[in-house]
Structures are given as structure tokens and as C-alpha cells.
C-alpha atoms as a PDB file:
ATOM      1  CA  MET A   1     -42.802 -18.253  -1.545  1.00  0.00           C
ATOM      2  CA  ALA A   2     -44.043 -14.819  -2.623  1.00  0.00           C
ATOM      3  CA  LEU A   3     -43.221 -13.709  -6.145  1.00  0.00           C
ATOM      4  CA  LEU A   4     -42.240 -10.033  -6.372  1.00  0.00           C
ATOM      5  CA  HIS A   5     -41.378  -8.072  -9.487  1.00  0.00           C
ATOM      6  CA  LYS A   6     -38.156  -9.947 -10.555  1.00  0.00           C
ATOM      7  CA  LEU A   7     -37.372 -10.535  -6.882  1.00  0.00           C
ATOM      8  CA  CYS A   8     -38.624 -13.224  -4.616  1.00  0.00           C
ATOM      9  CA  ARG A   9     -38.268 -14.170  -0.975  1.00  0.00           C
ATOM     10  CA  SER A  10     -38.202 -17.522   0.721  1.00  0.00           C
ATOM     11  CA  SER A  11     -40.372 -18.265   3.737  1.00  0.00           C
ATOM     12  CA  ASN A  12     -37.457 -17.262   5.994  1.00  0.00           C
ATOM     13  CA  GLY A  13     -36.980 -13.903   4.185  1.00  0.00           C
ATOM     14  CA  GLU A  14     -33.985 -14.864   2.028  1.00  0.00           C
ATOM     15  CA  ARG A  15     -33.865 -12.787  -1.176  1.00  0.00           C
ATOM     16  CA  GLY A  16     -33.681 -14.406  -4.546  1.00  0.00           C
ATOM     17  CA  HIS A  17     -34.186 -13.549  -8.198  1.00  0.00           C
ATOM     18  CA  VAL A  18     -36.731 -14.815 -10.674  1.00  0.00           C
ATOM     19  CA  LYS A  19     -35.687 -16.642 -13.800  1.00  0.00           C
ATOM     20  CA  HIS A  20     -38.204 -18.546 -15.933  1.00  0.00           C
ATOM     21  CA  ARG A  21     -40.907 -18.188 -13.244  1.00  0.00           C
ATOM     22  CA  HIS A  22     -38.715 -19.873 -10.612  1.00  0.00           C
ATOM     23  CA  CYS A  23     -37.048 -18.256  -7.624  1.00  0.00           C
ATOM     24  CA  TYR A  24     -33.266 -18.763  -7.414  1.00  0.00           C
ATOM     25  CA  PHE A  25     -31.252 -17.907  -4.341  1.00  0.00           C
ATOM     26  CA  THR A  26     -27.674 -16.759  -4.641  1.00  0.00           C
ATOM     27  CA  ALA A  27     -25.696 -16.603  -1.445  1.00  0.00           C
ATOM     28  CA  CYS A  28     -24.215 -13.193  -0.888  1.00  0.00           C
ATOM     29  CA  ASN A  29     -20.691 -13.836   0.289  1.00  0.00           C
ATOM     30  CA  CYS A  30     -19.230 -10.383  -0.180  1.00  0.00           C
ATOM     31  CA  PRO A  31     -17.335  -8.106   2.182  1.00  0.00           C
ATOM     32  CA  ALA A  32     -19.202  -5.198   0.549  1.00  0.00           C
ATOM     33  CA  THR A  33     -22.796  -5.267  -0.752  1.00  0.00           C
ATOM     34  CA  CYS A  34     -24.650  -7.580  -3.094  1.00  0.00           C
ATOM     35  CA  ASN A  35     -26.878  -6.854  -6.029  1.00  0.00           C
ATOM     36  CA  ALA A  36     -30.436  -7.470  -4.854  1.00  0.00           C
ATOM     37  CA  VAL A  37     -31.437  -9.126  -8.134  1.00  0.00           C
ATOM     38  CA  THR A  38     -28.421 -11.202  -9.109  1.00  0.00           C
ATOM     39  CA  GLY A  39     -26.669 -11.675  -5.789  1.00  0.00           C
ATOM     40  CA  ALA A  40     -23.404 -10.617  -7.418  1.00  0.00           C
ATOM     41  CA  CYS A  41     -20.984  -8.603  -5.338  1.00  0.00           C
ATOM     42  CA  GLU A  42     -21.062  -4.849  -5.926  1.00  0.00           C
ATOM     43  CA  CYS A  43     -17.497  -3.736  -5.459  1.00  0.00           C
ATOM     44  CA  PRO A  44     -16.453  -0.365  -4.047  1.00  0.00           C
ATOM     45  CA  LYS A  45     -14.413   2.054  -6.161  1.00  0.00           C
ATOM     46  CA  LYS A  46     -11.360   0.489  -7.844  1.00  0.00           C
ATOM     47  CA  VAL A  47     -11.908  -2.937  -6.260  1.00  0.00           C
ATOM     48  CA  THR A  48     -12.125  -6.167  -8.225  1.00  0.00           C
ATOM     49  CA  GLY A  49     -12.415  -9.928  -7.736  1.00  0.00           C
ATOM     50  CA  ASP A  50     -15.428 -12.234  -7.412  1.00  0.00           C
ATOM     51  CA  GLN A  51     -15.528 -11.446  -3.697  1.00  0.00           C
ATOM     52  CA  CYS A  52     -14.610  -7.744  -4.081  1.00  0.00           C
ATOM     53  CA  ASP A  53     -11.445  -8.346  -2.097  1.00  0.00           C
ATOM     54  CA  GLU A  54      -8.648  -7.177  -4.409  1.00  0.00           C
ATOM     55  CA  CYS A  55      -7.400  -3.807  -5.558  1.00  0.00           C
ATOM     56  CA  ALA A  56      -7.687  -3.184  -9.298  1.00  0.00           C
ATOM     57  CA  PRO A  57      -4.383  -2.806 -11.206  1.00  0.00           C
ATOM     58  CA  GLN A  58      -2.439   0.370 -10.403  1.00  0.00           C
ATOM     59  CA  THR A  59      -4.251   0.854  -7.083  1.00  0.00           C
ATOM     60  CA  PHE A  60      -3.454   0.061  -3.438  1.00  0.00           C
ATOM     61  CA  GLY A  61      -4.743   0.194   0.138  1.00  0.00           C
ATOM     62  CA  TYR A  62      -7.760  -2.120  -0.074  1.00  0.00           C
ATOM     63  CA  ASP A  63     -10.617  -1.078   2.189  1.00  0.00           C
ATOM     64  CA  ARG A  64     -13.864  -3.053   2.009  1.00  0.00           C
ATOM     65  CA  THR A  65     -15.927   0.120   2.360  1.00  0.00           C
ATOM     66  CA  ILE A  66     -14.140   2.884   0.449  1.00  0.00           C
ATOM     67  CA  GLY A  67     -12.237   0.799  -2.087  1.00  0.00           C
ATOM     68  CA  CYS A  68      -8.656   1.335  -3.270  1.00  0.00           C
ATOM     69  CA  THR A  69      -6.517   4.386  -4.036  1.00  0.00           C
ATOM     70  CA  ASP A  70      -4.685   5.111  -7.306  1.00  0.00           C
ATOM     71  CA  CYS A  71      -0.936   4.439  -7.239  1.00  0.00           C
ATOM     72  CA  ASN A  72      -0.191   7.559  -9.323  1.00  0.00           C
ATOM     73  CA  CYS A  73       3.286   6.247 -10.184  1.00  0.00           C
ATOM     74  CA  LYS A  74       5.143   8.720 -12.393  1.00  0.00           C
ATOM     75  CA  PRO A  75       5.838   7.017 -15.752  1.00  0.00           C
ATOM     76  CA  GLU A  76       9.119   8.898 -16.179  1.00  0.00           C
ATOM     77  CA  GLY A  77      10.378   7.820 -12.730  1.00  0.00           C
ATOM     78  CA  VAL A  78       9.455   4.129 -12.570  1.00  0.00           C
ATOM     79  CA  LEU A  79      11.536   1.124 -13.508  1.00  0.00           C
ATOM     80  CA  ASN A  80      10.660  -0.499 -16.856  1.00  0.00           C
ATOM     81  CA  GLY A  81       7.400   1.440 -17.204  1.00  0.00           C
ATOM     82  CA  ASN A  82       5.801  -0.471 -14.297  1.00  0.00           C
ATOM     83  CA  LEU A  83       2.910   1.685 -13.032  1.00  0.00           C
ATOM     84  CA  ASP A  84       1.767  -0.837 -10.398  1.00  0.00           C
ATOM     85  CA  CYS A  85       2.659  -0.236  -6.758  1.00  0.00           C
ATOM     86  CA  ASP A  86       2.928  -2.101  -3.466  1.00  0.00           C
ATOM     87  CA  LEU A  87      -0.619  -3.167  -2.523  1.00  0.00           C
ATOM     88  CA  ASP A  88      -0.164  -2.073   1.111  1.00  0.00           C
ATOM     89  CA  THR A  89       2.103   1.002   1.043  1.00  0.00           C
ATOM     90  CA  GLY A  90       1.482   2.329  -2.471  1.00  0.00           C
ATOM     91  CA  ALA A  91       5.241   2.584  -3.072  1.00  0.00           C
ATOM     92  CA  CYS A  92       6.109   2.497  -6.769  1.00  0.00           C
ATOM     93  CA  ASP A  93       9.134   0.649  -8.168  1.00  0.00           C
ATOM     94  CA  CYS A  94      11.533   3.531  -8.901  1.00  0.00           C
ATOM     95  CA  LYS A  95      14.432   3.500 -11.302  1.00  0.00           C
ATOM     96  CA  ALA A  96      17.973   4.133 -10.023  1.00  0.00           C
ATOM     97  CA  ASN A  97      18.506   7.409  -8.108  1.00  0.00           C
ATOM     98  CA  VAL A  98      14.757   8.204  -8.081  1.00  0.00           C
ATOM     99  CA  VAL A  99      12.759   8.176  -4.820  1.00  0.00           C
ATOM    100  CA  GLY A 100       9.373   9.127  -3.392  1.00  0.00           C
ATOM    101  CA  ARG A 101       6.251   6.979  -3.066  1.00  0.00           C
ATOM    102  CA  THR A 102       5.295   7.849  -6.642  1.00  0.00           C
ATOM    103  CA  CYS A 103       8.901   8.020  -7.983  1.00  0.00           C
ATOM    104  CA  ASP A 104       8.666  11.767  -8.451  1.00  0.00           C
ATOM    105  CA  VAL A 105      11.997  13.160  -7.212  1.00  0.00           C
ATOM    106  CA  CYS A 106      15.733  12.510  -7.379  1.00  0.00           C
ATOM    107  CA  GLU A 107      17.341  11.049  -4.269  1.00  0.00           C
ATOM    108  CA  ASN A 108      19.706  13.208  -2.209  1.00  0.00           C
ATOM    109  CA  GLY A 109      22.920  13.902  -4.110  1.00  0.00           C
ATOM    110  CA  PHE A 110      21.228  13.805  -7.508  1.00  0.00           C
ATOM    111  CA  TRP A 111      19.502  16.406  -9.664  1.00  0.00           C
ATOM    112  CA  ASN A 112      17.687  16.860 -13.011  1.00  0.00           C
ATOM    113  CA  TYR A 113      14.616  14.630 -12.560  1.00  0.00           C
ATOM    114  CA  PRO A 114      13.850  12.230 -14.199  1.00  0.00           C
ATOM    115  CA  ASP A 115      17.428  11.640 -15.416  1.00  0.00           C
ATOM    116  CA  CYS A 116      18.788  12.150 -11.873  1.00  0.00           C
ATOM    117  CA  GLU A 117      22.449  12.869 -12.488  1.00  0.00           C
ATOM    118  CA  GLN A 118      24.920  12.859  -9.596  1.00  0.00           C
ATOM    119  CA  CYS A 119      25.837  16.281  -8.193  1.00  0.00           C
ATOM    120  CA  ASP A 120      29.518  17.262  -8.238  1.00  0.00           C
ATOM    121  CA  CYS A 121      29.821  17.993  -4.507  1.00  0.00           C
ATOM    122  CA  ASP A 122      32.261  17.005  -1.771  1.00  0.00           C
ATOM    123  CA  PRO A 123      30.199  14.792   0.574  1.00  0.00           C
ATOM    124  CA  ALA A 124      32.417  15.761   3.548  1.00  0.00           C
ATOM    125  CA  GLY A 125      31.416  19.409   3.166  1.00  0.00           C
ATOM    126  CA  THR A 126      27.737  19.095   2.270  1.00  0.00           C
ATOM    127  CA  THR A 127      24.541  18.788   4.287  1.00  0.00           C
ATOM    128  CA  GLN A 128      22.381  15.656   4.177  1.00  0.00           C
ATOM    129  CA  THR A 129      20.593  16.879   1.028  1.00  0.00           C
ATOM    130  CA  ILE A 130      24.007  17.276  -0.705  1.00  0.00           C
ATOM    131  CA  CYS A 131      22.663  19.498  -3.507  1.00  0.00           C
ATOM    132  CA  ASP A 132      19.617  21.260  -4.890  1.00  0.00           C
ATOM    133  CA  ARG A 133      17.598  18.696  -6.847  1.00  0.00           C
ATOM    134  CA  GLU A 134      16.740  21.212  -9.570  1.00  0.00           C
ATOM    135  CA  THR A 135      19.935  23.263 -10.020  1.00  0.00           C
ATOM    136  CA  SER A 136      22.659  20.914  -8.699  1.00  0.00           C
ATOM    137  CA  THR A 137      24.009  23.723  -6.466  1.00  0.00           C
ATOM    138  CA  CYS A 138      25.836  22.071  -3.566  1.00  0.00           C
ATOM    139  CA  SER A 139      24.363  22.532  -0.070  1.00  0.00           C
ATOM    140  CA  CYS A 140      27.370  23.428   2.061  1.00  0.00           C
ATOM    141  CA  LYS A 141      27.688  22.850   5.791  1.00  0.00           C
ATOM    142  CA  GLY A 142      28.153  25.983   7.906  1.00  0.00           C
ATOM    143  CA  ASN A 143      31.965  26.176   7.846  1.00  0.00           C
ATOM    144  CA  THR A 144      32.533  25.011   4.262  1.00  0.00           C
ATOM    145  CA  GLY A 145      32.331  26.746   0.912  1.00  0.00           C
ATOM    146  CA  GLY A 146      33.418  26.698  -2.713  1.00  0.00           C
ATOM    147  CA  LEU A 147      31.472  25.304  -5.658  1.00  0.00           C
ATOM    148  CA  THR A 148      31.696  21.740  -4.336  1.00  0.00           C
ATOM    149  CA  CYS A 149      31.705  22.587  -0.587  1.00  0.00           C
ATOM    150  CA  GLY A 150      35.207  21.131  -0.411  1.00  0.00           C
ATOM    151  CA  GLU A 151      36.916  24.175   1.108  1.00  0.00           C
ATOM    152  CA  CYS A 152      37.053  25.380   4.695  1.00  0.00           C
ATOM    153  CA  GLN A 153      35.812  28.923   5.356  1.00  0.00           C
ATOM    154  CA  PRO A 154      38.417  31.456   6.579  1.00  0.00           C
ATOM    155  CA  GLY A 155      39.156  30.890  10.269  1.00  0.00           C
ATOM    156  CA  THR A 156      38.386  27.152  10.026  1.00  0.00           C
ATOM    157  CA  TYR A 157      40.412  24.030   9.150  1.00  0.00           C
ATOM    158  CA  ASN A 158      40.314  20.222   8.826  1.00  0.00           C
ATOM    159  CA  LEU A 159      37.340  19.318   6.613  1.00  0.00           C
ATOM    160  CA  GLU A 160      35.688  16.134   7.986  1.00  0.00           C
ATOM    161  CA  ALA A 161      32.492  14.377   6.988  1.00  0.00           C
ATOM    162  CA  SER A 162      31.731  13.582  10.665  1.00  0.00           C
ATOM    163  CA  ASN A 163      31.869  17.273  11.639  1.00  0.00           C
ATOM    164  CA  PRO A 164      28.331  18.760  11.516  1.00  0.00           C
ATOM    165  CA  GLU A 165      29.854  22.101  10.443  1.00  0.00           C
ATOM    166  CA  GLY A 166      32.330  20.508   8.018  1.00  0.00           C
ATOM    167  CA  CYS A 167      35.403  22.328   9.313  1.00  0.00           C
ATOM    168  CA  THR A 168      36.615  23.141  12.818  1.00  0.00           C
ATOM    169  CA  LYS A 169      37.050  26.745  13.962  1.00  0.00           C
ATOM    170  CA  CYS A 170      40.641  27.736  14.623  1.00  0.00           C
ATOM    171  CA  PHE A 171      41.814  27.933  18.232  1.00  0.00           C
ATOM    172  CA  CYS A 172      43.549  31.236  17.789  1.00  0.00           C
ATOM    173  CA  PHE A 173      44.213  33.462  20.829  1.00  0.00           C
ATOM    174  CA  GLY A 174      44.837  36.722  18.997  1.00  0.00           C
ATOM    175  CA  ILE A 175      48.574  36.080  18.567  1.00  0.00           C
END
């Protein structure tokens, strides 16, 4: 066995480290790389665990080469201050009426993030977004109007949620 400066090799080329003039071999059982002197796993960015096989807290998307990605959960949008996220998808645990992977926006029909108050709109007369998430202005379907989108435009009638335009055009024949 050849003794090298704080490193040593066995007759079959296995690397070891020197401690008290003896060569010790530490098996490298890591998905990433090992420290040449100690044999300890050298984890990629934001990875932890003895075997470098876990994402550090508040990270997700483990990859044995590039590491993990920050969750970036928005403190004001998460439930109970929990800044951890799903280890696979990175989805944060949002409080009521808050959505987005990082809990950064009000869900449709709500405005004033992070408080996310319900918009005062008629769901039958609004588009899928229901209202503007910043101003609470209702998003009316084509044939509806009024502050809450609850009124049919002139020349239309019968407000229905299932109608993509909200109200049906009149079948008038010029009489």
C-alpha cells in the first residue's frame, strides 16, 4: 500500500485516507461525489442527508446532479406560515382563496392579495376570471353589463350562467 500525502491507495487502487499513519478506506456510497480524503458525500446545491438524497428544507425537485430548487413560498400567502412545499411539484400550502405554486395570487372571484376578499359579481354574467384580482372590477361576458355583470345588454334577454355570452340576443324581426 502506497502512502500519499494524506491519501493512500490499496493494491487494487481503492482510495483511502491516512489517520495515525494507517490507511482507512471509506466506501463511497453516494449518488453524487465523495470527498477524496474523508469519503463523505459531497452534496449538490441545497441537498442534504448522509447519502445526499434529500432536498433541504424549503426546497424541492431533487436531482442528484444539480440539487434542489427553492420553494419560494410567499409568507403572506401560505397557511400557518409554512414555507415548505411539495417535494415533487414545489406547490406551497396556500391559505383559503389563495392560489399559485408559490401562493402569490388570489383565486378567480377574489381580489386584494393577500387578504383575497370575494368580488361582488354575478357569476351568471361574468367570465371565468369573474373579476380583476387587483381592483375587484367584474369581468362581464359579452352580452352582460352593470357593476356586477348581472344585467343584460340592450337587445338581449335571459341571463344564464351556461350561456357563454351571458344573455341571448333578441329574435326581433323589425316589428
